Amino acid sequence: GQSLGYGFVNYVEAGDADRAIGALNGLKLQTKTIKVSYARPSSASIRDANLYVSGLPKAMGQKEMEQLFSQYGRIITSRIL
């Protein structure tokens, strides 16, 4: 029931993923520094719009992650593992 500190965000537009990487990679949240990069694509349709996020604070929930990343574009799906 607790976050493993990483997750995924899938955007509708690849440019939104670029903006999120530029703005959020290296961001300090609580005592953690997050890393945001492209994830290995699961399909050609989300090749440049699927992000891998690591270093999330263990207390961060799905809703908080979506609020943080939704500033950069419309999210298709997101999940914290």
Protein backbone atom coordinates (compact mmCIF):
# COMPACT_ATOMS: atom_id res chain seq x y z
CA GLY A 1 0.00 0.00 0.00
CA GLN A 2 2.99 2.35 -0.15
CA SER A 3 4.64 3.95 -3.19
CA LEU A 4 7.85 2.40 -4.47
CA GLY A 5 9.00 5.88 -5.44
CA TYR A 6 8.44 5.71 -9.18
CA GLY A 7 5.67 6.00 -11.71
CA PHE A 8 4.62 6.71 -15.27
CA VAL A 9 2.81 9.57 -16.99
CA ASN A 10 1.44 9.26 -20.55
CA TYR A 11 0.62 12.51 -22.34
CA VAL A 12 -1.58 13.01 -25.37
CA GLU A 13 1.07 15.21 -27.08
CA ALA A 14 4.78 14.44 -27.24
CA GLY A 15 5.62 18.15 -26.85
CA ASP A 16 3.94 18.14 -23.45
CA ALA A 17 6.25 15.36 -22.32
CA ASP A 18 9.24 17.44 -23.49
CA ARG A 19 8.03 20.41 -21.45
CA ALA A 20 7.48 18.27 -18.37
CA ILE A 21 10.98 16.82 -18.63
CA GLY A 22 12.48 20.29 -19.00
CA ALA A 23 10.58 21.70 -16.05
CA LEU A 24 10.45 18.77 -13.63
CA ASN A 25 13.61 16.71 -14.14
CA GLY A 26 15.80 17.38 -11.10
CA LEU A 27 12.98 19.01 -9.10
CA LYS A 28 13.36 18.62 -5.36
CA LEU A 29 10.19 17.32 -3.67
CA GLN A 30 10.38 17.06 0.10
CA THR A 31 13.73 15.31 0.60
CA LYS A 32 13.82 13.64 -2.84
CA THR A 33 15.09 14.80 -6.22
CA ILE A 34 12.95 13.38 -8.99
CA LYS A 35 14.23 12.13 -12.32
CA VAL A 36 11.91 12.48 -15.31
CA SER A 37 12.80 10.87 -18.64
CA TYR A 38 11.23 9.06 -21.55
CA ALA A 39 10.02 5.57 -20.77
CA ARG A 40 10.50 2.69 -23.13
CA PRO A 41 7.45 2.93 -25.37
CA SER A 42 4.80 0.25 -25.15
CA SER A 43 3.39 1.31 -28.52
CA ALA A 44 4.25 3.63 -31.39
CA SER A 45 1.33 5.93 -30.53
CA ILE A 46 2.92 7.03 -27.23
CA ARG A 47 6.57 6.76 -28.23
CA ASP A 48 7.57 10.28 -27.21
CA ALA A 49 4.77 10.97 -24.76
CA ASN A 50 5.39 8.27 -22.12
CA LEU A 51 7.48 9.40 -19.15
CA TYR A 52 9.23 7.45 -16.41
CA VAL A 53 9.45 9.28 -13.09
CA SER A 54 11.72 8.10 -10.29
CA GLY A 55 12.62 9.47 -6.89
CA LEU A 56 9.05 10.31 -5.94
CA PRO A 57 8.46 10.82 -2.23
CA LYS A 58 6.96 7.66 -0.75
CA ALA A 59 4.01 9.66 0.58
CA MET A 60 3.11 11.09 -2.85
CA GLY A 61 -0.18 9.78 -4.16
CA GLN A 62 -1.64 9.41 -7.63
CA LYS A 63 -3.64 12.63 -7.36
CA GLU A 64 -0.59 14.69 -6.32
CA MET A 65 1.51 13.32 -9.17
CA GLU A 66 -1.25 14.08 -11.69
CA GLN A 67 -1.59 17.63 -10.34
CA LEU A 68 2.14 18.17 -10.74
CA PHE A 69 2.33 16.80 -14.30
CA SER A 70 -1.02 18.06 -15.62
CA GLN A 71 0.41 21.60 -15.71
CA TYR A 72 2.30 20.55 -18.86
CA GLY A 73 -0.48 18.96 -20.88
CA ARG A 74 -3.37 16.54 -21.03
CA ILE A 75 -2.56 13.20 -19.42
CA ILE A 76 -3.89 9.96 -20.92
CA THR A 77 -2.91 7.77 -17.97
CA SER A 78 -0.62 7.89 -14.97
CA ARG A 79 0.27 5.50 -12.21
CA ILE A 80 2.53 5.26 -9.21
CA LEU A 81 4.09 1.88 -8.51
